[in-house]
Amino acid sequence: MPVLFFICFLIVWELLVIFLRFPEYLLPQPSKILNEIFANSGRFLMHTGITMFEAVMGYLIANISGFLVAVVFAHNRTIEKGFYPYAIALKTTPIIAMAPLLILWFGTGIASKIVASAIVCFFPILVNTVRGLRAVDEGSLDLFRSYYASRWQIFTKLSLPTALPYVFSALKISTGLAVVGAIVGEFVGANKGIGYVILVSTYHLETVTMFAGIIMSALIGVLFFWAVSLIEKKVVFWQESEGGF
């Protein structure tokens, strides 16, 4: 069904551009955009691979560290109250405002883009994991305690399974955010990556190339989301995964 809708969308787009005679620099035909992608497939795949690597690395760093911090927050209210405002400040600061500083600290290479991606992904996993770990049913918790279960047993056999649906919701949200963070980092300072392709093509009014870059960045996000959704179905098998995949 998504493929059918996409094909219909492209047909309508193609016809509108032809009949309304939009100039190519304003809105190119989908056929020309696809031709650009296939004609320069090696170039686009190279830049897409770089952006995807940055997004995946930032995603992993953010979600692993965010999960560990959330576990600490869930078990220690004092630490949570002390550090949670800083997490909110990090979330509310636009990544585009922080990107120049990241370039200054980590250089114009891949490292600054990974950090930008990680910053954007950090907050969802933190909030959702804390919420999930605290969603444990009190009756189930009392039952575990009545059998003298250790804190580790309570965490691994009760708290963690309860939190997993919340965790995977955050993981799916972060797939798109990871790509956004990497591309924003490339906008500020880079000589490779999809963000660099989009930025340069904008300067030169190469709208066809710009649209091709946008499509490739969207493809990264879709594939990333799809992969996490598949993992969710295997891990959280007792709950139907959302998202239409």
Protein backbone atom coordinates (compact mmCIF):
# COMPACT_ATOMS: atom_id res chain seq x y z
CA MET A 1 0.00 0.00 0.00
CA PRO A 2 2.74 2.59 0.77
CA VAL A 3 4.40 1.84 -2.58
CA LEU A 4 1.08 2.28 -4.41
CA PHE A 5 0.43 5.60 -2.69
CA PHE A 6 3.96 6.76 -3.49
CA ILE A 7 3.56 5.92 -7.18
CA CYS A 8 0.23 7.80 -7.31
CA PHE A 9 1.85 10.77 -5.59
CA LEU A 10 4.68 10.85 -8.15
CA ILE A 11 2.23 10.65 -11.06
CA VAL A 12 0.16 13.56 -9.72
CA TRP A 13 3.34 15.56 -9.08
CA GLU A 14 4.64 14.88 -12.59
CA LEU A 15 1.37 15.92 -14.23
CA LEU A 16 1.04 19.08 -12.14
CA VAL A 17 4.54 20.23 -13.07
CA ILE A 18 3.88 19.55 -16.76
CA PHE A 19 0.45 21.18 -17.00
CA LEU A 20 1.15 24.13 -14.68
CA ARG A 21 4.58 24.63 -16.25
CA PHE A 22 6.54 25.13 -13.07
CA PRO A 23 10.16 26.20 -13.78
CA GLU A 24 12.69 23.50 -13.00
CA TYR A 25 14.53 25.63 -10.43
CA LEU A 26 11.27 25.95 -8.48
CA LEU A 27 9.77 22.46 -8.71
CA PRO A 28 11.36 19.82 -10.98
CA GLN A 29 9.61 16.76 -12.36
CA PRO A 30 9.97 13.54 -10.32
CA SER A 31 11.23 11.77 -13.45
CA LYS A 32 14.19 14.17 -13.64
CA ILE A 33 14.91 13.74 -9.93
CA LEU A 34 14.93 9.94 -10.24
CA ASN A 35 17.08 10.18 -13.35
CA GLU A 36 19.55 12.34 -11.39
CA ILE A 37 19.72 9.72 -8.64
CA PHE A 38 20.32 6.83 -11.04
CA ALA A 39 22.73 8.77 -13.26
CA ASN A 40 24.89 9.72 -10.24
CA SER A 41 24.12 6.70 -8.09
CA GLY A 42 27.75 6.20 -7.02
CA ARG A 43 28.04 9.76 -5.77
CA PHE A 44 24.71 9.68 -3.93
CA LEU A 45 25.40 6.29 -2.35
CA MET A 46 28.77 7.52 -1.08
CA HIS A 47 27.30 10.63 0.54
CA THR A 48 24.28 8.69 1.84
CA GLY A 49 26.55 6.07 3.41
CA ILE A 50 28.51 8.76 5.25
CA THR A 51 25.37 10.41 6.62
CA MET A 52 23.92 7.04 7.61
CA PHE A 53 27.10 6.10 9.46
CA GLU A 54 27.00 9.40 11.38
CA ALA A 55 23.32 8.92 12.21
CA VAL A 56 23.73 5.29 13.34
CA MET A 57 26.75 6.07 15.54
CA GLY A 58 25.03 9.07 17.12
CA TYR A 59 21.89 6.99 17.59
CA LEU A 60 23.75 4.19 19.37
CA ILE A 61 25.73 6.53 21.62
CA ALA A 62 22.64 8.53 22.59
CA ASN A 63 20.37 5.58 23.28
CA ILE A 64 22.89 3.51 25.22
CA SER A 65 23.94 6.46 27.40
CA GLY A 66 20.35 7.72 27.69
CA PHE A 67 19.13 4.31 28.83
CA LEU A 68 21.83 4.04 31.50
CA VAL A 69 21.11 7.55 32.79
CA ALA A 70 17.38 6.74 32.85
CA VAL A 71 18.01 3.65 34.99
CA VAL A 72 19.90 5.83 37.47
CA PHE A 73 17.12 8.44 37.45
CA ALA A 74 14.44 5.79 37.99
CA HIS A 75 16.19 4.46 41.08
CA ASN A 76 17.43 7.73 42.59
CA ARG A 77 15.09 10.71 42.81
CA THR A 78 17.81 13.00 44.17
CA ILE A 79 20.06 12.53 41.14
CA GLU A 80 17.07 12.92 38.85
CA LYS A 81 16.03 16.23 40.41
CA GLY A 82 19.59 17.49 40.23
CA PHE A 83 20.31 16.62 36.59
CA TYR A 84 16.90 16.56 34.88
CA PRO A 85 16.76 20.37 34.33
CA TYR A 86 20.03 20.16 32.40
CA ALA A 87 18.58 17.41 30.21
CA ILE A 88 15.60 19.65 29.47
CA ALA A 89 17.94 22.55 28.65
CA LEU A 90 19.85 20.30 26.26
CA LYS A 91 16.58 19.27 24.61
CA THR A 92 15.21 22.80 24.22
CA THR A 93 18.40 24.25 22.73
CA PRO A 94 18.11 24.06 18.92
CA ILE A 95 20.79 21.81 17.45
CA ILE A 96 21.41 24.37 14.69
CA ALA A 97 22.49 26.83 17.41
CA MET A 98 24.89 24.29 18.93
CA ALA A 99 26.31 23.01 15.64
CA PRO A 100 28.95 25.79 15.22
CA LEU A 101 30.23 25.07 18.73
CA LEU A 102 30.41 21.34 17.96
CA ILE A 103 32.41 22.15 14.82
CA LEU A 104 34.79 24.24 16.95
CA TRP A 105 35.22 21.47 19.53
CA PHE A 106 35.23 18.36 17.35
CA GLY A 107 36.31 19.72 13.95
CA THR A 108 34.67 19.50 10.56
CA GLY A 109 35.02 15.72 10.33
CA ILE A 110 32.56 12.97 11.14
CA ALA A 111 32.93 13.32 14.94
CA SER A 112 31.00 16.61 15.17
CA LYS A 113 28.10 15.15 13.14
CA ILE A 114 27.95 12.07 15.37
CA VAL A 115 27.80 14.28 18.47
CA ALA A 116 25.07 16.46 16.91
CA SER A 117 23.06 13.34 16.10
CA ALA A 118 23.55 11.97 19.62
CA ILE A 119 22.42 15.21 21.28
CA VAL A 120 19.15 15.22 19.32
CA CYS A 121 18.45 11.55 20.14
CA PHE A 122 19.29 11.66 23.85
CA PHE A 123 16.12 13.13 25.38
CA PRO A 124 13.42 10.75 24.01
CA ILE A 125 15.11 7.61 25.34
CA LEU A 126 15.75 9.26 28.70
CA VAL A 127 12.14 10.35 29.26
CA ASN A 128 10.48 7.19 27.92
CA THR A 129 12.75 4.80 29.79
CA VAL A 130 12.20 6.56 33.12
CA ARG A 131 8.46 6.49 32.51
CA GLY A 132 8.54 2.82 31.55
CA LEU A 133 10.61 1.73 34.55
CA ARG A 134 8.14 3.48 36.83
CA ALA A 135 5.11 1.91 35.14
CA VAL A 136 5.56 -1.36 37.01
CA ASP A 137 2.35 -2.72 38.50
CA GLU A 138 2.43 -2.48 42.29
CA GLY A 139 0.79 -5.89 42.70
CA SER A 140 3.46 -7.54 40.58
CA LEU A 141 6.18 -5.72 42.50
CA ASP A 142 4.72 -6.92 45.83
CA LEU A 143 4.61 -10.47 44.47
CA PHE A 144 8.31 -10.33 43.54
CA ARG A 145 9.20 -8.98 46.96
CA SER A 146 7.17 -11.66 48.69
CA TYR A 147 9.40 -14.23 47.01
CA TYR A 148 12.49 -12.31 48.17
CA ALA A 149 13.57 -11.40 44.64
CA SER A 150 16.77 -9.37 44.48
CA ARG A 151 16.85 -5.86 42.99
CA TRP A 152 18.59 -7.26 39.94
CA GLN A 153 15.90 -9.92 39.48
CA ILE A 154 13.16 -7.30 39.85
CA PHE A 155 14.88 -5.11 37.28
CA THR A 156 15.58 -7.82 34.66
CA LYS A 157 12.37 -9.85 35.03
CA LEU A 158 9.81 -7.14 35.85
CA SER A 159 10.91 -3.53 35.39
CA LEU A 160 12.79 -3.98 32.11
CA PRO A 161 10.06 -6.03 30.33
CA THR A 162 7.52 -3.43 31.46
CA ALA A 163 9.68 -0.59 30.14
CA LEU A 164 10.54 -2.18 26.76
CA PRO A 165 7.45 -0.88 24.89
CA TYR A 166 8.29 2.65 26.11
CA VAL A 167 11.94 2.17 25.16
CA PHE A 168 11.13 1.05 21.63
CA SER A 169 8.75 3.97 21.17
CA ALA A 170 11.68 6.26 21.91
CA LEU A 171 13.99 4.23 19.69
CA LYS A 172 11.62 4.63 16.74
CA ILE A 173 11.22 8.36 17.37
CA SER A 174 15.00 8.73 17.47
CA THR A 175 15.55 7.15 14.05
CA GLY A 176 14.41 10.29 12.26
CA LEU A 177 16.03 12.59 14.80
CA ALA A 178 19.40 10.89 14.29
CA VAL A 179 19.31 11.65 10.57
CA VAL A 180 18.22 15.25 11.24
CA GLY A 181 21.10 15.79 13.69
CA ALA A 182 23.68 14.40 11.26
CA ILE A 183 22.40 16.52 8.36
CA VAL A 184 22.27 19.70 10.46
CA GLY A 185 25.88 19.08 11.44
CA GLU A 186 26.76 18.72 7.75
CA PHE A 187 24.99 21.98 6.95
CA VAL A 188 27.30 23.91 9.27
CA GLY A 189 30.63 22.43 8.25
CA ALA A 190 31.31 19.45 6.00
CA ASN A 191 32.68 18.45 2.61
CA LYS A 192 30.76 15.19 2.33
CA GLY A 193 27.39 13.73 3.30
CA ILE A 194 23.83 14.29 2.12
CA GLY A 195 23.58 17.55 4.06
CA TYR A 196 26.61 18.84 2.16
CA VAL A 197 25.04 17.83 -1.18
CA ILE A 198 21.78 19.61 -0.33
CA LEU A 199 23.59 22.75 0.86
CA VAL A 200 25.86 23.05 -2.19
CA SER A 201 23.03 22.38 -4.63
CA THR A 202 20.99 25.11 -2.91
CA TYR A 203 23.77 27.65 -3.41
CA HIS A 204 23.98 26.76 -7.11
CA LEU A 205 20.18 26.58 -7.61
CA GLU A 206 20.52 22.94 -8.65
CA THR A 207 17.03 22.08 -7.49
CA VAL A 208 16.99 18.62 -9.08
CA THR A 209 20.10 17.62 -7.13
CA MET A 210 18.70 19.18 -3.98
CA PHE A 211 15.47 17.14 -4.26
CA ALA A 212 17.53 14.02 -4.93
CA GLY A 213 19.47 14.65 -1.72
CA ILE A 214 16.25 15.18 0.22
CA ILE A 215 14.84 11.90 -1.11
CA MET A 216 18.01 10.03 -0.12
CA SER A 217 17.90 11.50 3.39
CA ALA A 218 14.25 10.46 3.71
CA LEU A 219 15.20 6.97 2.53
CA ILE A 220 17.76 6.71 5.32
CA GLY A 221 15.12 7.59 7.91
CA VAL A 222 12.58 5.12 6.50
CA LEU A 223 15.08 2.25 6.39
CA PHE A 224 16.27 3.08 9.90
CA PHE A 225 12.70 3.15 11.25
CA TRP A 226 11.88 -0.10 9.47
CA ALA A 227 14.92 -1.86 10.95
CA VAL A 228 14.06 -0.78 14.51
CA SER A 229 10.43 -1.84 13.97
CA LEU A 230 11.58 -5.32 12.93
CA ILE A 231 13.75 -5.61 16.04
CA GLU A 232 10.81 -4.46 18.19
CA LYS A 233 8.60 -7.23 16.80
CA LYS A 234 11.23 -9.81 17.77
CA VAL A 235 11.98 -8.40 21.24
CA VAL A 236 8.59 -7.08 22.39
CA PHE A 237 6.73 -10.01 20.88
CA TRP A 238 3.81 -9.73 23.32
CA GLN A 239 2.83 -6.31 22.00
CA GLU A 240 1.89 -5.43 18.44
CA SER A 241 4.31 -2.90 16.98
CA GLU A 242 2.93 0.41 15.74
CA GLY A 243 3.99 2.33 12.67
CA GLY A 244 2.53 0.44 9.73
CA PHE A 245 5.62 -1.70 8.98
